[in-house]
Each structure stands twice: as C-alpha cells, then as structure tokens.
C-alpha cells in the first residue's frame, strides 16, 4: 500500500518533494528517492521499519537533496552517503 504522508512545500526555497510510506518487499533499505521529470522528488520510506527509523531515514534522504547529490556524479557513493549522515 502506498500512502502519501505529506507534501512539504519548498525546502530551502529550491526543492519540492513528496514523502510516501510504502511497504518494501524486504528490509534491505529504509528509504529511497526518485527524481521526477518536473524537478520534484519522491521520497519512499519503508513502512516495515519502526517510525523512528523512518524519521531518521527521511532526514538522511533530505540531506541528499539539500546537498544536491542527485546531480553530482563525481564523488564516490561512499563519500556521498557519509555526507548525508
């Protein structure tokens, strides 16, 4: 089941994003982000995890957006993940 939790307005005046709580097929990932054609982002939180872990995952994914990681293909993934916390 896919539930729209909340549409947040602009984040730091530059990023629109939508947050969804979805049961992933397993526990391999707490969250994921997909860019949309219109410049917005969809953040999917794995509903199999407890609420506190989903909140932490949301903060992590928002850091990726804030630091513009989706448009930076120069840095190694490990460095990008470390920056996002």
PDB file of N, CA and C in Angstrom:
ATOM      1  N   UNK A   1       0.843  -1.172   0.000  1.00  0.00           N
ATOM      2  CA  UNK A   1       0.000   0.000   0.000  1.00  0.00           C
ATOM      3  C   UNK A   1       0.892   1.241   0.000  1.00  0.00           C
ATOM      4  N   UNK A   2       0.526   2.222  -0.779  1.00  0.00           N
ATOM      5  CA  UNK A   2       1.289   3.466  -0.880  1.00  0.00           C
ATOM      6  C   UNK A   2       0.428   4.594  -0.321  1.00  0.00           C
ATOM      7  N   UNK A   3       0.926   5.273   0.695  1.00  0.00           N
ATOM      8  CA  UNK A   3       0.175   6.337   1.344  1.00  0.00           C
ATOM      9  C   UNK A   3       0.967   7.632   1.279  1.00  0.00           C
ATOM     10  N   UNK A   4       0.351   8.683   0.756  1.00  0.00           N
ATOM     11  CA  UNK A   4       1.005   9.992   0.758  1.00  0.00           C
ATOM     12  C   UNK A   4       0.954  10.516   2.182  1.00  0.00           C
ATOM     13  N   UNK A   5       2.117  10.651   2.800  1.00  0.00           N
ATOM     14  CA  UNK A   5       2.165  11.135   4.178  1.00  0.00           C
ATOM     15  C   UNK A   5       1.954  12.637   4.228  1.00  0.00           C
ATOM     16  N   UNK A   6       2.688  13.343   3.389  1.00  0.00           N
ATOM     17  CA  UNK A   6       2.621  14.791   3.447  1.00  0.00           C
ATOM     18  C   UNK A   6       3.354  15.373   2.251  1.00  0.00           C
ATOM     19  N   UNK A   7       2.813  16.428   1.711  1.00  0.00           N
ATOM     20  CA  UNK A   7       3.567  17.175   0.700  1.00  0.00           C
ATOM     21  C   UNK A   7       4.136  18.378   1.407  1.00  0.00           C
ATOM     22  N   UNK A   8       5.418  18.428   1.463  1.00  0.00           N
ATOM     23  CA  UNK A   8       6.088  19.563   2.069  1.00  0.00           C
ATOM     24  C   UNK A   8       6.290  20.601   0.975  1.00  0.00           C
ATOM     25  N   UNK A   9       6.241  21.840   1.346  1.00  0.00           N
ATOM     26  CA  UNK A   9       6.475  22.911   0.376  1.00  0.00           C
ATOM     27  C   UNK A   9       7.926  22.924  -0.047  1.00  0.00           C
ATOM     28  N   UNK A  10       8.391  24.058  -0.369  1.00  0.00           N
ATOM     29  CA  UNK A  10       9.778  24.175  -0.813  1.00  0.00           C
ATOM     30  C   UNK A  10      10.714  23.971   0.365  1.00  0.00           C
ATOM     31  N   UNK A  11      11.764  23.233   0.126  1.00  0.00           N
ATOM     32  CA  UNK A  11      12.803  23.069   1.128  1.00  0.00           C
ATOM     33  C   UNK A  11      13.936  23.999   0.753  1.00  0.00           C
ATOM     34  N   UNK A  12      14.236  24.918   1.605  1.00  0.00           N
ATOM     35  CA  UNK A  12      15.290  25.909   1.349  1.00  0.00           C
ATOM     36  C   UNK A  12      15.060  26.631   0.014  1.00  0.00           C
ATOM     37  N   UNK A  13      13.788  26.863  -0.295  1.00  0.00           N
ATOM     38  CA  UNK A  13      13.393  27.652  -1.463  1.00  0.00           C
ATOM     39  C   UNK A  13      13.783  27.046  -2.805  1.00  0.00           C
ATOM     40  N   UNK A  14      14.224  25.792  -2.833  1.00  0.00           N
ATOM     41  CA  UNK A  14      14.656  25.262  -4.121  1.00  0.00           C
ATOM     42  C   UNK A  14      14.129  23.866  -4.444  1.00  0.00           C
ATOM     43  N   UNK A  15      13.653  23.108  -3.465  1.00  0.00           N
ATOM     44  CA  UNK A  15      13.337  21.704  -3.709  1.00  0.00           C
ATOM     45  C   UNK A  15      11.912  21.382  -3.271  1.00  0.00           C
ATOM     46  N   UNK A  16      11.101  20.878  -4.194  1.00  0.00           N
ATOM     47  CA  UNK A  16       9.786  20.336  -3.845  1.00  0.00           C
ATOM     48  C   UNK A  16       9.924  18.829  -3.747  1.00  0.00           C
ATOM     49  N   UNK A  17       9.310  18.245  -2.717  1.00  0.00           N
ATOM     50  CA  UNK A  17       9.377  16.794  -2.586  1.00  0.00           C
ATOM     51  C   UNK A  17       8.106  16.253  -1.962  1.00  0.00           C
ATOM     52  N   UNK A  18       7.837  14.999  -2.234  1.00  0.00           N
ATOM     53  CA  UNK A  18       6.689  14.277  -1.701  1.00  0.00           C
ATOM     54  C   UNK A  18       7.221  13.084  -0.920  1.00  0.00           C
ATOM     55  N   UNK A  19       6.568  12.780   0.195  1.00  0.00           N
ATOM     56  CA  UNK A  19       7.002  11.658   1.038  1.00  0.00           C
ATOM     57  C   UNK A  19       5.905  10.612   1.053  1.00  0.00           C
ATOM     58  N   UNK A  20       6.293   9.364   0.783  1.00  0.00           N
ATOM     59  CA  UNK A  20       5.367   8.241   0.781  1.00  0.00           C
ATOM     60  C   UNK A  20       5.853   7.170   1.747  1.00  0.00           C
ATOM     61  N   UNK A  21       4.925   6.557   2.439  1.00  0.00           N
ATOM     62  CA  UNK A  21       5.235   5.415   3.286  1.00  0.00           C
ATOM     63  C   UNK A  21       4.744   4.170   2.550  1.00  0.00           C
ATOM     64  N   UNK A  22       5.669   3.267   2.252  1.00  0.00           N
ATOM     65  CA  UNK A  22       5.362   2.096   1.435  1.00  0.00           C
ATOM     66  C   UNK A  22       6.016   0.869   2.057  1.00  0.00           C
ATOM     67  N   UNK A  23       5.332  -0.251   2.057  1.00  0.00           N
ATOM     68  CA  UNK A  23       5.968  -1.490   2.494  1.00  0.00           C
ATOM     69  C   UNK A  23       6.831  -2.021   1.358  1.00  0.00           C
ATOM     70  N   UNK A  24       8.148  -1.964   1.551  1.00  0.00           N
ATOM     71  CA  UNK A  24       9.082  -2.530   0.581  1.00  0.00           C
ATOM     72  C   UNK A  24       8.988  -4.055   0.674  1.00  0.00           C
ATOM     73  N   UNK A  25       9.518  -4.780  -0.305  1.00  0.00           N
ATOM     74  CA  UNK A  25       9.455  -6.250  -0.268  1.00  0.00           C
ATOM     75  C   UNK A  25      10.297  -6.867   0.856  1.00  0.00           C
ATOM     76  N   UNK A  26      11.267  -6.091   1.402  1.00  0.00           N
ATOM     77  CA  UNK A  26      12.138  -6.631   2.452  1.00  0.00           C
ATOM     78  C   UNK A  26      12.750  -5.473   3.248  1.00  0.00           C
ATOM     79  N   UNK A  27      13.680  -5.805   4.135  1.00  0.00           N
ATOM     80  CA  UNK A  27      14.323  -4.814   4.996  1.00  0.00           C
ATOM     81  C   UNK A  27      15.667  -4.325   4.451  1.00  0.00           C
ATOM     82  N   UNK A  28      15.938  -4.515   3.193  1.00  0.00           N
ATOM     83  CA  UNK A  28      17.266  -4.174   2.657  1.00  0.00           C
ATOM     84  C   UNK A  28      17.524  -2.670   2.579  1.00  0.00           C
ATOM     85  N   UNK A  29      16.473  -1.861   2.596  1.00  0.00           N
ATOM     86  CA  UNK A  29      16.648  -0.412   2.508  1.00  0.00           C
ATOM     87  C   UNK A  29      15.565   0.280   3.333  1.00  0.00           C
ATOM     88  N   UNK A  30      15.969   1.326   4.057  1.00  0.00           N
ATOM     89  CA  UNK A  30      14.994   2.079   4.849  1.00  0.00           C
ATOM     90  C   UNK A  30      14.233   3.102   4.012  1.00  0.00           C
ATOM     91  N   UNK A  31      14.862   3.588   2.930  1.00  0.00           N
ATOM     92  CA  UNK A  31      14.232   4.627   2.118  1.00  0.00           C
ATOM     93  C   UNK A  31      14.921   4.723   0.773  1.00  0.00           C
ATOM     94  N   UNK A  32      14.249   5.401  -0.148  1.00  0.00           N
ATOM     95  CA  UNK A  32      14.842   5.684  -1.452  1.00  0.00           C
ATOM     96  C   UNK A  32      14.212   6.960  -2.000  1.00  0.00           C
ATOM     97  N   UNK A  33      14.938   7.593  -2.906  1.00  0.00           N
ATOM     98  CA  UNK A  33      14.458   8.833  -3.525  1.00  0.00           C
ATOM     99  C   UNK A  33      14.492   8.668  -5.034  1.00  0.00           C
ATOM    100  N   UNK A  34      13.449   9.144  -5.678  1.00  0.00           N
ATOM    101  CA  UNK A  34      13.397   9.151  -7.141  1.00  0.00           C
ATOM    102  C   UNK A  34      13.148  10.569  -7.633  1.00  0.00           C
ATOM    103  N   UNK A  35      13.960  11.052  -8.564  1.00  0.00           N
ATOM    104  CA  UNK A  35      13.697  12.366  -9.149  1.00  0.00           C
ATOM    105  C   UNK A  35      12.567  12.266 -10.173  1.00  0.00           C
ATOM    106  N   UNK A  36      11.762  13.297 -10.262  1.00  0.00           N
ATOM    107  CA  UNK A  36      10.671  13.352 -11.233  1.00  0.00           C
ATOM    108  C   UNK A  36      11.035  14.305 -12.368  1.00  0.00           C
ATOM    109  N   UNK A  37      10.373  14.153 -13.481  1.00  0.00           N
ATOM    110  CA  UNK A  37      10.658  14.967 -14.671  1.00  0.00           C
ATOM    111  C   UNK A  37      10.429  16.459 -14.440  1.00  0.00           C
ATOM    112  N   UNK A  38       9.549  16.790 -13.503  1.00  0.00           N
ATOM    113  CA  UNK A  38       9.237  18.201 -13.262  1.00  0.00           C
ATOM    114  C   UNK A  38      10.162  18.862 -12.250  1.00  0.00           C
ATOM    115  N   UNK A  39      11.213  18.153 -11.823  1.00  0.00           N
ATOM    116  CA  UNK A  39      12.169  18.722 -10.885  1.00  0.00           C
ATOM    117  C   UNK A  39      11.855  18.431  -9.428  1.00  0.00           C
ATOM    118  N   UNK A  40      10.700  17.808  -9.165  1.00  0.00           N
ATOM    119  CA  UNK A  40      10.380  17.409  -7.798  1.00  0.00           C
ATOM    120  C   UNK A  40      10.999  16.045  -7.510  1.00  0.00           C
ATOM    121  N   UNK A  41      10.919  15.626  -6.255  1.00  0.00           N
ATOM    122  CA  UNK A  41      11.444  14.331  -5.843  1.00  0.00           C
ATOM    123  C   UNK A  41      10.392  13.575  -5.053  1.00  0.00           C
ATOM    124  N   UNK A  42      10.362  12.260  -5.223  1.00  0.00           N
ATOM    125  CA  UNK A  42       9.537  11.384  -4.405  1.00  0.00           C
ATOM    126  C   UNK A  42      10.446  10.646  -3.441  1.00  0.00           C
ATOM    127  N   UNK A  43      10.130  10.730  -2.147  1.00  0.00           N
ATOM    128  CA  UNK A  43      10.881  10.013  -1.124  1.00  0.00           C
ATOM    129  C   UNK A  43       9.983   8.891  -0.624  1.00  0.00           C
ATOM    130  N   UNK A  44      10.470   7.661  -0.741  1.00  0.00           N
ATOM    131  CA  UNK A  44       9.732   6.482  -0.286  1.00  0.00           C
ATOM    132  C   UNK A  44      10.384   5.951   0.979  1.00  0.00           C
ATOM    133  N   UNK A  45       9.586   5.851   2.049  1.00  0.00           N
ATOM    134  CA  UNK A  45      10.052   5.304   3.310  1.00  0.00           C
ATOM    135  C   UNK A  45       9.521   3.886   3.459  1.00  0.00           C
ATOM    136  N   UNK A  46      10.367   2.967   3.890  1.00  0.00           N
ATOM    137  CA  UNK A  46       9.991   1.569   4.036  1.00  0.00           C
ATOM    138  C   UNK A  46       9.176   1.401   5.317  1.00  0.00           C
ATOM    139  N   UNK A  47       7.877   1.136   5.162  1.00  0.00           N
ATOM    140  CA  UNK A  47       6.957   1.014   6.293  1.00  0.00           C
ATOM    141  C   UNK A  47       7.206  -0.237   7.134  1.00  0.00           C
ATOM    142  N   UNK A  48       8.097  -1.110   6.704  1.00  0.00           N
ATOM    143  CA  UNK A  48       8.446  -2.279   7.516  1.00  0.00           C
ATOM    144  C   UNK A  48       9.289  -1.880   8.729  1.00  0.00           C
ATOM    145  N   UNK A  49       9.914  -0.697   8.666  1.00  0.00           N
ATOM    146  CA  UNK A  49      10.766  -0.228   9.758  1.00  0.00           C
ATOM    147  C   UNK A  49       9.936   0.560  10.772  1.00  0.00           C
ATOM    148  N   UNK A  50      10.397   0.609  12.024  1.00  0.00           N
ATOM    149  CA  UNK A  50       9.701   1.414  13.039  1.00  0.00           C
ATOM    150  C   UNK A  50       9.712   2.904  12.659  1.00  0.00           C
ATOM    151  N   UNK A  51       8.767   3.638  13.226  1.00  0.00           N
ATOM    152  CA  UNK A  51       8.604   5.055  12.883  1.00  0.00           C
ATOM    153  C   UNK A  51       9.879   5.868  13.115  1.00  0.00           C
ATOM    154  N   UNK A  52      10.586   5.618  14.200  1.00  0.00           N
ATOM    155  CA  UNK A  52      11.816   6.365  14.477  1.00  0.00           C
ATOM    156  C   UNK A  52      12.866   6.158  13.386  1.00  0.00           C
ATOM    157  N   UNK A  53      12.979   4.940  12.896  1.00  0.00           N
ATOM    158  CA  UNK A  53      13.948   4.660  11.830  1.00  0.00           C
ATOM    159  C   UNK A  53      13.520   5.317  10.527  1.00  0.00           C
ATOM    160  N   UNK A  54      12.198   5.358  10.274  1.00  0.00           N
ATOM    161  CA  UNK A  54      11.721   6.045   9.068  1.00  0.00           C
ATOM    162  C   UNK A  54      12.011   7.540   9.150  1.00  0.00           C
ATOM    163  N   UNK A  55      11.845   8.129  10.343  1.00  0.00           N
ATOM    164  CA  UNK A  55      12.149   9.551  10.510  1.00  0.00           C
ATOM    165  C   UNK A  55      13.632   9.818  10.257  1.00  0.00           C
ATOM    166  N   UNK A  56      14.484   8.960  10.794  1.00  0.00           N
ATOM    167  CA  UNK A  56      15.921   9.120  10.585  1.00  0.00           C
ATOM    168  C   UNK A  56      16.265   8.969   9.097  1.00  0.00           C
ATOM    169  N   UNK A  57      15.624   8.011   8.437  1.00  0.00           N
ATOM    170  CA  UNK A  57      15.854   7.805   7.005  1.00  0.00           C
ATOM    171  C   UNK A  57      15.394   9.025   6.200  1.00  0.00           C
ATOM    172  N   UNK A  58      14.283   9.634   6.606  1.00  0.00           N
ATOM    173  CA  UNK A  58      13.799  10.828   5.912  1.00  0.00           C
ATOM    174  C   UNK A  58      14.813  11.966   6.028  1.00  0.00           C
ATOM    175  N   UNK A  59      15.347  12.167   7.214  1.00  0.00           N
ATOM    176  CA  UNK A  59      16.367  13.212   7.404  1.00  0.00           C
ATOM    177  C   UNK A  59      17.569  12.937   6.506  1.00  0.00           C
ATOM    178  N   UNK A  60      17.977  11.681   6.437  1.00  0.00           N
ATOM    179  CA  UNK A  60      19.115  11.288   5.597  1.00  0.00           C
ATOM    180  C   UNK A  60      18.835  11.616   4.123  1.00  0.00           C
ATOM    181  N   UNK A  61      17.665  11.231   3.640  1.00  0.00           N
ATOM    182  CA  UNK A  61      17.329  11.477   2.232  1.00  0.00           C
ATOM    183  C   UNK A  61      17.215  12.970   1.945  1.00  0.00           C
ATOM    184  N   UNK A  62      16.682  13.737   2.890  1.00  0.00           N
ATOM    185  CA  UNK A  62      16.595  15.188   2.696  1.00  0.00           C
ATOM    186  C   UNK A  62      17.980  15.822   2.620  1.00  0.00           C
ATOM    187  N   UNK A  63      18.930  15.261   3.345  1.00  0.00           N
ATOM    188  CA  UNK A  63      20.302  15.758   3.248  1.00  0.00           C
ATOM    189  C   UNK A  63      20.863  15.529   1.843  1.00  0.00           C
ATOM    190  N   UNK A  64      20.534  14.393   1.235  1.00  0.00           N
ATOM    191  CA  UNK A  64      20.952  14.157  -0.157  1.00  0.00           C
ATOM    192  C   UNK A  64      20.396  15.257  -1.062  1.00  0.00           C
ATOM    193  N   UNK A  65      19.120  15.609  -0.863  1.00  0.00           N
ATOM    194  CA  UNK A  65      18.519  16.659  -1.691  1.00  0.00           C
ATOM    195  C   UNK A  65      19.180  18.004  -1.408  1.00  0.00           C
ATOM    196  N   UNK A  66      19.366  18.319  -0.138  1.00  0.00           N
ATOM    197  CA  UNK A  66      19.950  19.610   0.241  1.00  0.00           C
ATOM    198  C   UNK A  66      21.352  19.774  -0.320  1.00  0.00           C
ATOM    199  N   UNK A  67      22.108  18.690  -0.360  1.00  0.00           N
ATOM    200  CA  UNK A  67      23.493  18.753  -0.833  1.00  0.00           C
ATOM    201  C   UNK A  67      23.617  18.488  -2.334  1.00  0.00           C
ATOM    202  N   UNK A  68      22.457  18.388  -3.008  1.00  0.00           N
ATOM    203  CA  UNK A  68      22.430  18.253  -4.465  1.00  0.00           C
ATOM    204  C   UNK A  68      23.150  16.995  -4.956  1.00  0.00           C
ATOM    205  N   UNK A  69      23.052  15.925  -4.194  1.00  0.00           N
ATOM    206  CA  UNK A  69      23.743  14.684  -4.546  1.00  0.00           C
ATOM    207  C   UNK A  69      23.207  14.022  -5.820  1.00  0.00           C
ATOM    208  N   UNK A  70      21.993  14.309  -6.200  1.00  0.00           N
ATOM    209  CA  UNK A  70      21.432  13.650  -7.382  1.00  0.00           C
ATOM    210  C   UNK A  70      22.021  14.186  -8.683  1.00  0.00           C
ATOM    211  N   UNK A  71      22.710  15.282  -8.587  1.00  0.00           N
ATOM    212  CA  UNK A  71      23.306  15.867  -9.783  1.00  0.00           C
ATOM    213  C   UNK A  71      24.822  15.971  -9.668  1.00  0.00           C
ATOM    214  N   UNK A  72      25.393  15.144  -8.809  1.00  0.00           N
ATOM    215  CA  UNK A  72      26.838  15.133  -8.604  1.00  0.00           C
ATOM    216  C   UNK A  72      27.347  13.717  -8.849  1.00  0.00           C
ATOM    217  N   UNK A  73      27.885  13.470 -10.016  1.00  0.00           N
ATOM    218  CA  UNK A  73      28.371  12.128 -10.332  1.00  0.00           C
ATOM    219  C   UNK A  73      29.893  12.023 -10.240  1.00  0.00           C
ATOM    220  N   UNK A  74      30.518  13.006  -9.612  1.00  0.00           N
ATOM    221  CA  UNK A  74      31.975  12.998  -9.485  1.00  0.00           C
ATOM    222  C   UNK A  74      32.416  12.294  -8.213  1.00  0.00           C
ATOM    223  N   UNK A  75      31.681  12.521  -7.122  1.00  0.00           N
ATOM    224  CA  UNK A  75      32.055  11.935  -5.836  1.00  0.00           C
ATOM    225  C   UNK A  75      31.699  10.453  -5.778  1.00  0.00           C
ATOM    226  N   UNK A  76      32.517   9.667  -5.076  1.00  0.00           N
ATOM    227  CA  UNK A  76      32.181   8.259  -4.868  1.00  0.00           C
ATOM    228  C   UNK A  76      30.938   8.125  -3.972  1.00  0.00           C
ATOM    229  N   UNK A  77      30.174   7.070  -4.157  1.00  0.00           N
ATOM    230  CA  UNK A  77      28.944   6.834  -3.389  1.00  0.00           C
ATOM    231  C   UNK A  77      29.225   6.846  -1.885  1.00  0.00           C
ATOM    232  N   UNK A  78      30.305   6.228  -1.474  1.00  0.00           N
ATOM    233  CA  UNK A  78      30.642   6.185  -0.038  1.00  0.00           C
ATOM    234  C   UNK A  78      30.751   7.595   0.528  1.00  0.00           C
ATOM    235  N   UNK A  79      31.403   8.486  -0.185  1.00  0.00           N
ATOM    236  CA  UNK A  79      31.553   9.871   0.273  1.00  0.00           C
ATOM    237  C   UNK A  79      30.215  10.582   0.334  1.00  0.00           C
ATOM    238  N   UNK A  80      29.370  10.359  -0.666  1.00  0.00           N
ATOM    239  CA  UNK A  80      28.037  10.970  -0.694  1.00  0.00           C
ATOM    240  C   UNK A  80      27.204  10.471   0.481  1.00  0.00           C
ATOM    241  N   UNK A  81      27.244   9.171   0.737  1.00  0.00           N
ATOM    242  CA  UNK A  81      26.478   8.610   1.862  1.00  0.00           C
ATOM    243  C   UNK A  81      26.987   9.151   3.196  1.00  0.00           C
ATOM    244  N   UNK A  82      28.293   9.282   3.335  1.00  0.00           N
ATOM    245  CA  UNK A  82      28.856   9.843   4.565  1.00  0.00           C
ATOM    246  C   UNK A  82      28.426  11.289   4.772  1.00  0.00           C
ATOM    247  N   UNK A  83      28.362  12.067   3.697  1.00  0.00           N
ATOM    248  CA  UNK A  83      27.931  13.459   3.787  1.00  0.00           C
ATOM    249  C   UNK A  83      26.476  13.577   4.227  1.00  0.00           C
ATOM    250  N   UNK A  84      25.645  12.634   3.788  1.00  0.00           N
ATOM    251  CA  UNK A  84      24.216  12.674   4.108  1.00  0.00           C
ATOM    252  C   UNK A  84      23.939  12.205   5.540  1.00  0.00           C
ATOM    253  N   UNK A  85      24.930  11.599   6.152  1.00  0.00           N
ATOM    254  CA  UNK A  85      24.792  11.187   7.546  1.00  0.00           C
ATOM    255  C   UNK A  85      24.229   9.850   7.744  1.00  0.00           C
TER     256      UNK A  85
END
